[in-house]
């Protein structure tokens, strides 16, 4: 009789029918992801595991266990990546399909005011979208390929972007399976919550309403000091300025949900040209874009509340507007 594979109990826990199946504990999720990262599972098991999780929908405990396993596997610690000082961990994995990634200008505005922003993301996993890494390249801004480059860029410019393929090739491979499954998997969620440099402040985005509280509860299990999850445009951490926007906050193990009022009166329904040069022209002050500027300021304002530099939306908008007006327009040429 064949000996049962060590990973089989995790698949069985998820797939044993309506009455017998259950979610994994945080420890089980840690063990399961550890085996995946060490390539100790068969391809059939991996596919079944990820899709059963997708069907069931992951829990905060499962996500926290997965994140802890990735951190442990890659040894994200000062001993391994250096004592890198960063104020905000900003995840960017969804990509944009209707609007440009205006939030990039919010992050660069923060950096210009001395706030160290570490952004990470992946690209190419969903057709028809543009991704932060490609846009930064087109704007002539450097992208880090190692944590030593991240540290150097943060020290010189207060901003650094690192691709998942350099930060975690194993997770990059798992995200790439979307083209095979035809569906996203929990990996798309856990990457947003990695915070590999242990920043005090984290910001991420979701598209589906149910994922906001999921991220919030997972951040609490991971003991992130202050976090913000935005039900943002396209699933990125970008406040939509033309509609009410739901924000999920965590502050030292307390959490609450907040609705931010729209910055613009009318909804933007025009077909947008996703030309990254529009970002450059807006930054340089050479072209006006009502929606884009409102998105930049609204997103920047949410970051100012996250950082504790403002308490309420109106005060944050006022300060964000001042920071935006004082940006270094020579940054992009």
Protein backbone atom coordinates (compact mmCIF):
# COMPACT_ATOMS: atom_id res chain seq x y z
CA UNK A 1 0.00 0.00 0.00
CA UNK A 2 1.34 3.43 -0.94
CA UNK A 3 2.42 5.69 1.91
CA UNK A 4 0.37 8.90 2.17
CA UNK A 5 2.20 12.04 1.10
CA UNK A 6 3.00 14.47 3.94
CA UNK A 7 1.06 17.26 2.22
CA UNK A 8 -2.09 15.17 1.74
CA UNK A 9 -3.65 16.08 5.13
CA UNK A 10 -3.75 19.76 4.15
CA UNK A 11 -5.59 19.00 0.91
CA UNK A 12 -7.94 16.63 2.74
CA UNK A 13 -8.78 19.24 5.39
CA UNK A 14 -9.92 21.64 2.69
CA UNK A 15 -11.63 19.19 0.37
CA UNK A 16 -13.43 16.60 2.52
CA UNK A 17 -16.93 17.58 1.45
CA UNK A 18 -19.47 20.01 2.89
CA UNK A 19 -19.53 18.41 6.31
CA UNK A 20 -15.97 17.18 6.64
CA UNK A 21 -13.92 20.06 5.21
CA UNK A 22 -12.56 22.84 7.38
CA UNK A 23 -10.20 25.80 7.31
CA UNK A 24 -6.57 25.41 8.33
CA UNK A 25 -5.21 26.74 11.59
CA UNK A 26 -2.51 29.40 11.45
CA UNK A 27 0.11 26.76 12.28
CA UNK A 28 -1.19 24.39 9.61
CA UNK A 29 -1.16 27.20 7.06
CA UNK A 30 2.45 27.98 8.02
CA UNK A 31 3.45 24.33 7.59
CA UNK A 32 1.61 23.95 4.28
CA UNK A 33 3.14 27.08 2.73
CA UNK A 34 6.56 26.09 4.05
CA UNK A 35 6.30 22.80 2.15
CA UNK A 36 5.16 24.63 -1.00
CA UNK A 37 8.05 27.09 -0.86
CA UNK A 38 10.51 24.23 -0.38
CA UNK A 39 9.01 22.41 -3.40
CA UNK A 40 7.99 19.46 -1.27
CA UNK A 41 4.56 19.07 -2.89
CA UNK A 42 3.44 17.46 -6.11
CA UNK A 43 2.00 19.71 -8.88
CA UNK A 44 -1.39 17.99 -8.54
CA UNK A 45 -1.43 18.73 -4.81
CA UNK A 46 -0.48 22.36 -5.33
CA UNK A 47 -3.24 22.93 -7.87
CA UNK A 48 -5.85 21.22 -5.71
CA UNK A 49 -4.74 23.08 -2.59
CA UNK A 50 -4.82 26.54 -4.14
CA UNK A 51 -8.14 26.06 -5.90
CA UNK A 52 -9.83 24.54 -2.85
CA UNK A 53 -8.72 27.61 -0.92
CA UNK A 54 -10.02 29.80 -3.72
CA UNK A 55 -13.41 28.06 -3.63
CA UNK A 56 -13.65 28.14 0.16
CA UNK A 57 -12.10 31.63 0.47
CA UNK A 58 -9.11 32.06 2.73
CA UNK A 59 -9.40 33.02 6.41
CA UNK A 60 -7.31 35.57 8.33
CA UNK A 61 -5.57 32.73 10.21
CA UNK A 62 -4.65 30.99 6.95
CA UNK A 63 -3.33 34.19 5.40
CA UNK A 64 -1.32 35.04 8.50
CA UNK A 65 0.22 31.55 8.50
CA UNK A 66 1.11 31.85 4.81
CA UNK A 67 2.73 35.27 5.32
CA UNK A 68 4.73 34.03 8.30
CA UNK A 69 5.99 31.09 6.24
CA UNK A 70 7.14 33.36 3.42
CA UNK A 71 8.91 35.67 5.85
CA UNK A 72 10.61 32.71 7.51
CA UNK A 73 11.58 31.07 4.21
CA UNK A 74 13.15 34.25 2.82
CA UNK A 75 14.58 35.28 6.20
CA UNK A 76 13.37 38.85 5.96
CA UNK A 77 15.33 40.22 8.91
CA UNK A 78 18.01 42.87 9.51
CA UNK A 79 20.61 40.09 9.51
CA UNK A 80 19.62 39.11 5.98
CA UNK A 81 18.42 42.29 4.25
CA UNK A 82 20.20 44.91 6.34
CA UNK A 83 18.79 47.42 8.78
CA UNK A 84 16.71 49.25 6.18
CA UNK A 85 14.63 52.11 7.55
CA UNK A 86 11.25 52.47 5.89
CA UNK A 87 8.16 54.41 6.96
CA UNK A 88 5.50 52.92 4.67
CA UNK A 89 5.22 49.49 3.05
CA UNK A 90 3.07 49.95 -0.06
CA UNK A 91 1.88 46.90 -2.01
CA UNK A 92 0.96 47.22 -5.70
CA UNK A 93 -0.19 43.95 -7.25
CA UNK A 94 -3.54 44.55 -8.93
CA UNK A 95 -2.52 46.71 -11.87
CA UNK A 96 -4.81 49.25 -13.51
CA UNK A 97 -7.14 48.86 -16.49
CA UNK A 98 -9.40 51.94 -16.45
CA UNK A 99 -7.31 54.70 -14.91
CA UNK A 100 -3.60 55.37 -14.68
CA UNK A 101 -1.78 54.52 -11.41
CA UNK A 102 -2.07 58.04 -10.00
CA UNK A 103 -1.12 56.67 -6.58
CA UNK A 104 2.50 56.53 -7.77
CA UNK A 105 2.53 60.33 -7.70
CA UNK A 106 1.13 60.23 -4.16
CA UNK A 107 3.99 57.96 -3.09
CA UNK A 108 6.57 60.18 -4.78
CA UNK A 109 5.08 63.25 -3.09
CA UNK A 110 5.48 61.55 0.28
CA UNK A 111 9.08 60.71 -0.58
CA UNK A 112 9.73 64.34 -1.46
CA UNK A 113 8.65 65.28 2.06
CA UNK A 114 11.12 62.86 3.65
CA UNK A 115 8.78 59.86 4.10
CA UNK A 116 10.57 56.63 3.15
CA UNK A 117 8.27 54.53 0.95
CA UNK A 118 9.00 50.93 -0.03
CA UNK A 119 6.68 49.66 -2.76
CA UNK A 120 6.57 46.11 -4.09
CA UNK A 121 4.46 44.41 -6.74
CA UNK A 122 4.17 41.97 -9.61
CA UNK A 123 3.20 42.42 -13.22
CA UNK A 124 1.81 40.53 -16.20
CA UNK A 125 -0.46 38.14 -14.31
CA UNK A 126 -3.70 39.70 -15.63
CA UNK A 127 -4.20 40.67 -19.26
CA UNK A 128 -5.27 44.18 -20.18
CA UNK A 129 -3.72 45.93 -17.18
CA UNK A 130 -0.72 48.20 -16.69
CA UNK A 131 1.56 47.68 -13.72
CA UNK A 132 3.58 49.96 -11.49
CA UNK A 133 6.95 48.49 -12.42
CA UNK A 134 6.46 49.16 -16.13
CA UNK A 135 5.14 52.66 -15.49
CA UNK A 136 8.11 53.54 -13.28
CA UNK A 137 10.46 52.37 -16.02
CA UNK A 138 8.66 54.58 -18.55
CA UNK A 139 8.93 57.54 -16.19
CA UNK A 140 12.69 56.99 -15.97
CA UNK A 141 12.61 56.02 -12.28
CA UNK A 142 14.84 53.16 -11.06
CA UNK A 143 13.51 49.79 -9.92
CA UNK A 144 15.48 47.82 -7.34
CA UNK A 145 16.64 44.27 -8.01
CA UNK A 146 18.11 43.64 -4.54
CA UNK A 147 17.62 44.85 -0.99
CA UNK A 148 20.98 46.60 -1.13
CA UNK A 149 19.59 48.66 -4.01
CA UNK A 150 16.40 49.26 -2.02
CA UNK A 151 18.47 50.63 0.86
CA UNK A 152 20.51 52.85 -1.45
CA UNK A 153 17.42 54.25 -3.19
CA UNK A 154 15.63 54.89 0.10
CA UNK A 155 18.69 56.71 1.44
CA UNK A 156 19.01 58.88 -1.65
CA UNK A 157 15.41 59.37 -2.83
CA UNK A 158 13.15 58.07 -0.01
CA UNK A 159 11.39 55.81 -2.53
CA UNK A 160 12.12 52.34 -3.87
CA UNK A 161 10.14 49.78 -5.84
CA UNK A 162 11.06 46.10 -5.91
CA UNK A 163 9.47 43.46 -8.11
CA UNK A 164 8.18 40.24 -6.58
CA UNK A 165 10.38 38.28 -8.96
CA UNK A 166 13.41 39.65 -7.09
CA UNK A 167 11.82 39.72 -3.65
CA UNK A 168 10.39 36.18 -3.85
CA UNK A 169 10.80 34.18 -7.07
CA UNK A 170 8.78 31.38 -5.46
CA UNK A 171 5.73 33.62 -5.01
CA UNK A 172 6.23 35.06 -8.49
CA UNK A 173 5.89 31.52 -9.85
CA UNK A 174 2.73 30.89 -7.84
CA UNK A 175 1.11 34.12 -8.99
CA UNK A 176 1.98 33.18 -12.57
CA UNK A 177 -0.22 30.09 -12.25
CA UNK A 178 -3.25 32.33 -12.75
CA UNK A 179 -2.91 31.86 -16.51
CA UNK A 180 -3.18 28.10 -15.96
CA UNK A 181 -6.01 28.12 -13.42
CA UNK A 182 -7.93 30.98 -14.99
CA UNK A 183 -8.47 32.24 -11.43
CA UNK A 184 -6.55 34.17 -8.82
CA UNK A 185 -5.36 32.28 -5.76
CA UNK A 186 -4.68 33.26 -2.11
CA UNK A 187 -1.13 34.09 -3.18
CA UNK A 188 -2.48 37.29 -4.75
CA UNK A 189 -3.72 38.27 -1.29
CA UNK A 190 -0.79 37.24 0.88
CA UNK A 191 1.72 39.18 -1.25
CA UNK A 192 -0.10 42.39 -0.36
CA UNK A 193 0.42 41.67 3.34
CA UNK A 194 4.10 40.65 3.32
CA UNK A 195 5.63 43.87 4.72
CA UNK A 196 9.11 42.30 4.38
CA UNK A 197 10.97 45.25 5.93
CA UNK A 198 8.67 45.45 8.98
CA UNK A 199 7.48 49.00 8.29
CA UNK A 200 5.35 50.53 11.03
CA UNK A 201 2.80 51.68 8.44
CA UNK A 202 1.37 49.50 5.67
CA UNK A 203 -1.03 50.31 2.86
CA UNK A 204 -2.68 47.98 0.36
CA UNK A 205 -5.71 47.86 -1.91
CA UNK A 206 -8.60 45.52 -2.63
CA UNK A 207 -11.36 45.43 -5.22
CA UNK A 208 -14.00 43.12 -3.71
CA UNK A 209 -15.69 44.47 -0.53
CA UNK A 210 -15.19 41.26 1.48
CA UNK A 211 -11.42 41.44 1.18
CA UNK A 212 -11.13 44.71 3.13
CA UNK A 213 -12.06 43.18 6.51
CA UNK A 214 -10.03 40.06 5.61
CA UNK A 215 -6.88 42.16 5.15
CA UNK A 216 -7.68 44.12 8.28
CA UNK A 217 -8.06 41.03 10.47
CA UNK A 218 -4.94 39.44 8.99
CA UNK A 219 -2.94 42.59 9.70
CA UNK A 220 -4.01 42.33 13.32
CA UNK A 221 -2.92 38.69 13.55
CA UNK A 222 0.44 39.69 12.05
CA UNK A 223 0.64 42.54 14.56
CA UNK A 224 1.14 45.27 11.98
CA UNK A 225 1.17 48.46 14.12
CA UNK A 226 -0.75 50.70 11.71
CA UNK A 227 -2.30 49.56 8.46
CA UNK A 228 -4.72 50.87 5.86
CA UNK A 229 -6.62 48.83 3.30
CA UNK A 230 -8.35 50.84 0.59
CA UNK A 231 -11.16 49.51 -1.52
CA UNK A 232 -9.47 51.37 -4.30
CA UNK A 233 -9.56 51.87 -8.02
CA UNK A 234 -8.94 48.57 -9.79
CA UNK A 235 -7.87 46.93 -6.53
CA UNK A 236 -4.87 49.20 -6.01
CA UNK A 237 -4.30 51.38 -2.94
CA UNK A 238 -5.74 54.46 -4.61
CA UNK A 239 -8.69 56.44 -3.28
CA UNK A 240 -11.28 57.04 -5.97
CA UNK A 241 -11.98 60.76 -5.86
CA UNK A 242 -15.32 60.57 -7.70
CA UNK A 243 -17.16 58.21 -5.33
CA UNK A 244 -17.36 57.30 -1.67
CA UNK A 245 -14.39 55.14 -0.69
CA UNK A 246 -14.27 52.49 2.04
CA UNK A 247 -11.14 52.42 4.20
CA UNK A 248 -10.19 49.69 6.68
CA UNK A 249 -7.88 50.88 9.47
CA UNK A 250 -5.78 49.06 12.06
CA UNK A 251 -4.13 51.07 14.84
CA UNK A 252 -2.19 49.13 17.48
CA UNK A 253 -4.59 46.16 17.53
CA UNK A 254 -7.76 48.24 17.28
CA UNK A 255 -9.64 48.47 14.02
CA UNK A 256 -12.42 50.42 12.39
CA UNK A 257 -14.00 51.06 9.01
CA UNK A 258 -14.41 54.52 7.56
CA UNK A 259 -16.12 55.97 4.50
CA UNK A 260 -14.32 58.86 2.85
CA UNK A 261 -16.47 61.31 0.95
CA UNK A 262 -15.88 61.95 -2.73
CA UNK A 263 -13.47 64.70 -3.71
CA UNK A 264 -15.17 65.32 -7.06
CA UNK A 265 -18.89 65.93 -7.52
CA UNK A 266 -19.32 64.05 -10.81
CA UNK A 267 -18.37 60.48 -11.62
CA UNK A 268 -15.66 60.06 -14.22
CA UNK A 269 -17.17 58.00 -17.04
CA UNK A 270 -14.88 58.96 -19.92
CA UNK A 271 -12.68 56.40 -21.62
CA UNK A 272 -9.16 57.07 -20.43
CA UNK A 273 -5.97 56.79 -22.46
CA UNK A 274 -3.54 54.81 -20.31
CA UNK A 275 -0.47 56.74 -21.40
CA UNK A 276 2.06 56.97 -18.52
CA UNK A 277 3.36 60.22 -19.98
CA UNK A 278 0.22 61.85 -18.60
CA UNK A 279 1.63 61.17 -15.14
CA UNK A 280 4.85 62.93 -16.07
CA UNK A 281 3.05 65.94 -17.53
CA UNK A 282 0.79 66.29 -14.48
CA UNK A 283 3.79 66.02 -12.14
CA UNK A 284 5.67 68.68 -14.11
CA UNK A 285 2.64 70.96 -14.11
CA UNK A 286 2.54 70.99 -17.91
CA UNK A 287 -0.89 69.39 -18.23
CA UNK A 288 -4.03 69.65 -16.13
CA UNK A 289 -5.94 66.49 -15.22
CA UNK A 290 -8.84 67.04 -12.84
CA UNK A 291 -9.42 63.38 -12.03
CA UNK A 292 -5.73 62.52 -11.80
CA UNK A 293 -4.87 65.38 -9.46
CA UNK A 294 -7.87 64.61 -7.26
CA UNK A 295 -6.82 60.94 -7.07
CA UNK A 296 -3.28 61.93 -6.12
CA UNK A 297 -4.39 64.31 -3.38
CA UNK A 298 -7.10 61.98 -2.00
CA UNK A 299 -4.71 59.03 -1.81
CA UNK A 300 -1.96 61.20 -0.34
CA UNK A 301 -4.43 62.44 2.29
CA UNK A 302 -5.22 58.88 3.39
CA UNK A 303 -1.47 58.27 3.81
CA UNK A 304 -1.15 61.38 5.97
CA UNK A 305 -3.83 60.05 8.31
CA UNK A 306 -2.06 56.67 8.36
CA UNK A 307 1.19 58.43 9.32
CA UNK A 308 -0.55 60.41 12.04
CA UNK A 309 0.10 63.77 10.37
CA UNK A 310 -3.64 64.52 10.13
CA UNK A 311 -6.69 63.18 11.92
CA UNK A 312 -9.65 63.76 9.64
CA UNK A 313 -10.24 63.73 5.89
CA UNK A 314 -10.68 67.48 5.46
CA UNK A 315 -7.50 68.33 7.39
CA UNK A 316 -5.63 65.63 5.49
CA UNK A 317 -6.85 66.94 2.13
CA UNK A 318 -5.66 70.44 3.04
CA UNK A 319 -2.19 69.22 4.02
CA UNK A 320 -1.99 66.86 1.03
CA UNK A 321 -2.79 69.75 -1.30
CA UNK A 322 0.08 71.77 0.18
CA UNK A 323 2.52 68.86 -0.15
CA UNK A 324 1.41 68.27 -3.74
CA UNK A 325 1.84 71.94 -4.65
CA UNK A 326 5.35 71.90 -3.15
CA UNK A 327 6.50 68.76 -5.02
CA UNK A 328 9.82 68.77 -6.85
CA UNK A 329 8.65 69.15 -10.44
CA UNK A 330 12.17 68.45 -11.71
CA UNK A 331 12.06 64.84 -10.48
CA UNK A 332 10.82 63.64 -13.88
CA UNK A 333 12.32 64.99 -17.08
